[in-house]
Amino acid sequence: MALVTGVVLRTIKAMLAEITVTSVVIWVVCLLLAVGVGWSRYEKRRTRDKFLRELIAMDPVRREKVLSRLRPEIAMDLRQQLMERFRISSIQSGR
């Protein structure tokens, strides 16, 4: 049993000896980049959801005016989100 434990410990020590400071720094940088990308995607989604809630609260004429000022592909995507998530058309009758 002691022989097996000794072999395992030597194997672990050999593996740890191959890990350099450069490797650790690279892994830390990669981790920070991944966290940054994930955070920015989260913030983008959160901002878009907040903007959609503001659009829902607007009256239809003002909503259409705001959407018409955006880039066409963004406006189309927001209209699609309004329809899919909230069943709201960007232009509604005067009801």
N, C-alpha and C. Protein backbone atom coordinates (compact mmCIF):
# COMPACT_ATOMS: atom_id res chain seq x y z
N MET A 1 0.83 -1.19 0.00
CA MET A 1 0.00 0.00 0.00
C MET A 1 0.87 1.25 0.00
N ALA A 2 1.95 1.22 0.79
CA ALA A 2 2.85 2.37 0.88
C ALA A 2 3.56 2.59 -0.46
N LEU A 3 3.84 1.49 -1.16
CA LEU A 3 4.50 1.59 -2.46
C LEU A 3 3.60 2.29 -3.47
N VAL A 4 2.31 1.94 -3.48
CA VAL A 4 1.34 2.56 -4.39
C VAL A 4 1.20 4.05 -4.05
N THR A 5 1.13 4.37 -2.78
CA THR A 5 1.01 5.76 -2.36
C THR A 5 2.23 6.56 -2.79
N GLY A 6 3.41 5.96 -2.65
CA GLY A 6 4.64 6.63 -3.05
C GLY A 6 4.68 6.89 -4.55
N VAL A 7 4.21 5.94 -5.35
CA VAL A 7 4.18 6.11 -6.80
C VAL A 7 3.20 7.21 -7.18
N VAL A 8 2.06 7.24 -6.53
CA VAL A 8 1.05 8.26 -6.81
C VAL A 8 1.60 9.64 -6.45
N LEU A 9 2.24 9.74 -5.29
CA LEU A 9 2.80 11.03 -4.88
C LEU A 9 3.89 11.50 -5.83
N ARG A 10 4.76 10.58 -6.28
CA ARG A 10 5.80 10.96 -7.24
C ARG A 10 5.20 11.40 -8.57
N THR A 11 4.13 10.75 -8.98
CA THR A 11 3.47 11.13 -10.23
C THR A 11 2.87 12.52 -10.10
N ILE A 12 2.23 12.80 -9.00
CA ILE A 12 1.63 14.12 -8.78
C ILE A 12 2.72 15.19 -8.72
N LYS A 13 3.82 14.91 -8.04
CA LYS A 13 4.92 15.87 -7.96
C LYS A 13 5.50 16.14 -9.34
N ALA A 14 5.62 15.10 -10.15
CA ALA A 14 6.16 15.28 -11.50
C ALA A 14 5.22 16.13 -12.35
N MET A 15 3.92 15.91 -12.19
CA MET A 15 2.95 16.71 -12.94
C MET A 15 2.99 18.16 -12.49
N LEU A 16 3.09 18.40 -11.19
CA LEU A 16 3.16 19.76 -10.68
C LEU A 16 4.46 20.46 -11.08
N ALA A 17 5.53 19.72 -11.22
CA ALA A 17 6.80 20.30 -11.61
C ALA A 17 6.76 20.82 -13.04
N GLU A 18 5.92 20.23 -13.87
CA GLU A 18 5.80 20.66 -15.27
C GLU A 18 4.98 21.92 -15.43
N ILE A 19 4.21 22.28 -14.41
CA ILE A 19 3.40 23.49 -14.47
C ILE A 19 4.30 24.68 -14.17
N THR A 20 4.39 25.59 -15.11
CA THR A 20 5.25 26.75 -14.93
C THR A 20 4.41 27.97 -14.59
N VAL A 21 5.10 29.03 -14.19
CA VAL A 21 4.41 30.28 -13.87
C VAL A 21 3.73 30.82 -15.13
N THR A 22 4.38 30.64 -16.27
CA THR A 22 3.79 31.10 -17.52
C THR A 22 2.46 30.41 -17.79
N SER A 23 2.40 29.12 -17.54
CA SER A 23 1.15 28.38 -17.74
C SER A 23 0.05 28.92 -16.84
N VAL A 24 0.39 29.17 -15.60
CA VAL A 24 -0.60 29.67 -14.65
C VAL A 24 -1.08 31.05 -15.09
N VAL A 25 -0.16 31.91 -15.52
CA VAL A 25 -0.54 33.25 -15.97
C VAL A 25 -1.44 33.17 -17.19
N ILE A 26 -1.12 32.30 -18.12
CA ILE A 26 -1.95 32.15 -19.33
C ILE A 26 -3.35 31.68 -18.95
N TRP A 27 -3.46 30.72 -18.04
CA TRP A 27 -4.77 30.23 -17.62
C TRP A 27 -5.56 31.32 -16.91
N VAL A 28 -4.88 32.12 -16.10
CA VAL A 28 -5.57 33.21 -15.39
C VAL A 28 -6.07 34.25 -16.40
N VAL A 29 -5.24 34.60 -17.39
CA VAL A 29 -5.67 35.56 -18.41
C VAL A 29 -6.86 35.01 -19.19
N CYS A 30 -6.81 33.74 -19.55
CA CYS A 30 -7.94 33.13 -20.28
C CYS A 30 -9.21 33.14 -19.43
N LEU A 31 -9.05 32.86 -18.15
CA LEU A 31 -10.20 32.88 -17.25
C LEU A 31 -10.80 34.28 -17.18
N LEU A 32 -9.95 35.29 -17.04
CA LEU A 32 -10.44 36.67 -16.98
C LEU A 32 -11.13 37.08 -18.28
N LEU A 33 -10.57 36.67 -19.42
CA LEU A 33 -11.22 36.97 -20.70
C LEU A 33 -12.59 36.31 -20.80
N ALA A 34 -12.68 35.05 -20.38
CA ALA A 34 -13.95 34.35 -20.43
C ALA A 34 -14.98 35.01 -19.53
N VAL A 35 -14.56 35.43 -18.34
CA VAL A 35 -15.48 36.11 -17.43
C VAL A 35 -15.92 37.44 -18.04
N GLY A 36 -15.00 38.15 -18.67
CA GLY A 36 -15.34 39.42 -19.30
C GLY A 36 -16.33 39.27 -20.43
N VAL A 37 -16.13 38.27 -21.26
CA VAL A 37 -17.05 38.02 -22.37
C VAL A 37 -18.43 37.64 -21.84
N GLY A 38 -18.45 36.76 -20.87
CA GLY A 38 -19.73 36.35 -20.28
C GLY A 38 -20.46 37.53 -19.64
N TRP A 39 -19.72 38.36 -18.93
CA TRP A 39 -20.32 39.53 -18.28
C TRP A 39 -20.89 40.49 -19.30
N SER A 40 -20.16 40.74 -20.39
CA SER A 40 -20.66 41.69 -21.39
C SER A 40 -21.91 41.15 -22.08
N ARG A 41 -21.97 39.86 -22.32
CA ARG A 41 -23.18 39.27 -22.91
C ARG A 41 -24.36 39.38 -21.96
N TYR A 42 -24.09 39.15 -20.69
CA TYR A 42 -25.14 39.28 -19.67
C TYR A 42 -25.66 40.72 -19.62
N GLU A 43 -24.76 41.68 -19.62
CA GLU A 43 -25.15 43.09 -19.57
C GLU A 43 -25.93 43.49 -20.83
N LYS A 44 -25.51 42.97 -21.98
CA LYS A 44 -26.21 43.29 -23.23
C LYS A 44 -27.64 42.76 -23.17
N ARG A 45 -27.81 41.55 -22.70
CA ARG A 45 -29.15 40.97 -22.59
C ARG A 45 -29.99 41.75 -21.58
N ARG A 46 -29.38 42.11 -20.45
CA ARG A 46 -30.10 42.86 -19.43
C ARG A 46 -30.54 44.23 -19.93
N THR A 47 -29.66 44.89 -20.68
CA THR A 47 -29.99 46.20 -21.24
C THR A 47 -31.11 46.08 -22.26
N ARG A 48 -31.04 45.04 -23.10
CA ARG A 48 -32.09 44.85 -24.10
C ARG A 48 -33.43 44.57 -23.44
N ASP A 49 -33.43 43.75 -22.40
CA ASP A 49 -34.69 43.46 -21.69
C ASP A 49 -35.25 44.73 -21.06
N LYS A 50 -34.38 45.56 -20.50
CA LYS A 50 -34.84 46.81 -19.90
C LYS A 50 -35.44 47.72 -20.97
N PHE A 51 -34.79 47.81 -22.13
CA PHE A 51 -35.30 48.63 -23.22
C PHE A 51 -36.64 48.10 -23.72
N LEU A 52 -36.79 46.78 -23.81
CA LEU A 52 -38.07 46.20 -24.23
C LEU A 52 -39.18 46.54 -23.24
N ARG A 53 -38.86 46.50 -21.94
CA ARG A 53 -39.88 46.86 -20.94
C ARG A 53 -40.28 48.33 -21.08
N GLU A 54 -39.30 49.19 -21.39
CA GLU A 54 -39.63 50.60 -21.61
C GLU A 54 -40.49 50.77 -22.86
N LEU A 55 -40.21 50.00 -23.92
CA LEU A 55 -41.02 50.07 -25.13
C LEU A 55 -42.45 49.62 -24.85
N ILE A 56 -42.60 48.61 -24.03
CA ILE A 56 -43.94 48.10 -23.71
C ILE A 56 -44.74 49.18 -22.98
N ALA A 57 -44.07 49.93 -22.12
CA ALA A 57 -44.77 50.95 -21.34
C ALA A 57 -45.18 52.16 -22.18
N MET A 58 -44.58 52.32 -23.35
CA MET A 58 -44.89 53.48 -24.20
C MET A 58 -46.22 53.29 -24.92
N ASP A 59 -46.80 54.40 -25.31
CA ASP A 59 -47.99 54.28 -26.16
C ASP A 59 -47.50 53.90 -27.57
N PRO A 60 -48.36 53.25 -28.37
CA PRO A 60 -47.94 52.70 -29.65
C PRO A 60 -47.32 53.72 -30.62
N VAL A 61 -47.83 54.94 -30.65
CA VAL A 61 -47.30 55.93 -31.58
C VAL A 61 -45.87 56.31 -31.19
N ARG A 62 -45.66 56.55 -29.91
CA ARG A 62 -44.32 56.91 -29.43
C ARG A 62 -43.36 55.72 -29.62
N ARG A 63 -43.84 54.50 -29.37
CA ARG A 63 -43.02 53.30 -29.55
C ARG A 63 -42.54 53.20 -30.99
N GLU A 64 -43.44 53.42 -31.93
CA GLU A 64 -43.07 53.35 -33.35
C GLU A 64 -42.08 54.45 -33.71
N LYS A 65 -42.24 55.63 -33.12
CA LYS A 65 -41.32 56.74 -33.38
C LYS A 65 -39.92 56.38 -32.89
N VAL A 66 -39.83 55.80 -31.70
CA VAL A 66 -38.53 55.39 -31.15
C VAL A 66 -37.91 54.30 -32.01
N LEU A 67 -38.71 53.32 -32.41
CA LEU A 67 -38.19 52.23 -33.24
C LEU A 67 -37.73 52.72 -34.60
N SER A 68 -38.42 53.72 -35.15
CA SER A 68 -38.04 54.22 -36.48
C SER A 68 -36.70 54.96 -36.45
N ARG A 69 -36.26 55.40 -35.28
CA ARG A 69 -34.98 56.11 -35.18
C ARG A 69 -33.79 55.15 -35.06
N LEU A 70 -34.06 53.89 -34.82
CA LEU A 70 -32.98 52.91 -34.69
C LEU A 70 -32.55 52.38 -36.05
N ARG A 71 -31.41 51.70 -36.05
CA ARG A 71 -30.98 51.04 -37.29
C ARG A 71 -32.03 49.99 -37.67
N PRO A 72 -32.27 49.80 -38.97
CA PRO A 72 -33.36 48.90 -39.40
C PRO A 72 -33.26 47.48 -38.85
N GLU A 73 -32.05 46.91 -38.81
CA GLU A 73 -31.94 45.52 -38.33
C GLU A 73 -32.21 45.43 -36.83
N ILE A 74 -31.81 46.45 -36.07
CA ILE A 74 -32.09 46.45 -34.63
C ILE A 74 -33.58 46.67 -34.38
N ALA A 75 -34.17 47.60 -35.14
CA ALA A 75 -35.60 47.86 -34.99
C ALA A 75 -36.43 46.61 -35.31
N MET A 76 -36.03 45.90 -36.37
CA MET A 76 -36.76 44.69 -36.75
C MET A 76 -36.62 43.62 -35.66
N ASP A 77 -35.43 43.49 -35.11
CA ASP A 77 -35.22 42.52 -34.05
C ASP A 77 -36.05 42.87 -32.81
N LEU A 78 -36.10 44.15 -32.46
CA LEU A 78 -36.91 44.56 -31.30
C LEU A 78 -38.39 44.34 -31.54
N ARG A 79 -38.85 44.63 -32.75
CA ARG A 79 -40.27 44.37 -33.08
C ARG A 79 -40.58 42.89 -32.95
N GLN A 80 -39.65 42.06 -33.45
CA GLN A 80 -39.84 40.62 -33.36
C GLN A 80 -39.89 40.18 -31.89
N GLN A 81 -39.00 40.72 -31.07
CA GLN A 81 -39.01 40.39 -29.64
C GLN A 81 -40.32 40.82 -28.98
N LEU A 82 -40.81 41.99 -29.35
CA LEU A 82 -42.09 42.45 -28.78
C LEU A 82 -43.22 41.49 -29.15
N MET A 83 -43.22 41.03 -30.40
CA MET A 83 -44.26 40.11 -30.84
C MET A 83 -44.13 38.76 -30.15
N GLU A 84 -42.92 38.21 -30.10
CA GLU A 84 -42.73 36.87 -29.55
C GLU A 84 -42.93 36.83 -28.04
N ARG A 85 -42.34 37.76 -27.35
CA ARG A 85 -42.35 37.69 -25.90
C ARG A 85 -43.57 38.32 -25.25
N PHE A 86 -44.11 39.36 -25.88
CA PHE A 86 -45.18 40.11 -25.22
C PHE A 86 -46.45 40.21 -26.05
N ARG A 87 -46.44 39.63 -27.24
CA ARG A 87 -47.61 39.66 -28.13
C ARG A 87 -48.08 41.10 -28.39
N ILE A 88 -47.11 42.00 -28.58
CA ILE A 88 -47.44 43.40 -28.84
C ILE A 88 -46.95 43.77 -30.23
N SER A 89 -47.82 44.31 -31.00
CA SER A 89 -47.45 44.83 -32.32
C SER A 89 -46.90 46.23 -32.12
N SER A 90 -45.94 46.62 -32.97
CA SER A 90 -45.34 47.94 -32.79
C SER A 90 -46.34 49.04 -33.14
N ILE A 91 -47.24 48.79 -34.10
CA ILE A 91 -48.30 49.74 -34.41
C ILE A 91 -49.62 49.08 -34.10
N GLN A 92 -50.36 49.67 -33.19
CA GLN A 92 -51.67 49.14 -32.84
C GLN A 92 -52.71 50.20 -33.14
N SER A 93 -53.92 49.76 -33.29
CA SER A 93 -54.98 50.73 -33.53
C SER A 93 -55.21 51.56 -32.27
N GLY A 94 -56.00 52.58 -32.37
CA GLY A 94 -56.18 53.52 -31.27
C GLY A 94 -56.97 52.99 -30.10
N ARG A 95 -56.98 51.70 -29.85
CA ARG A 95 -57.69 51.12 -28.73
C ARG A 95 -57.00 51.35 -27.43
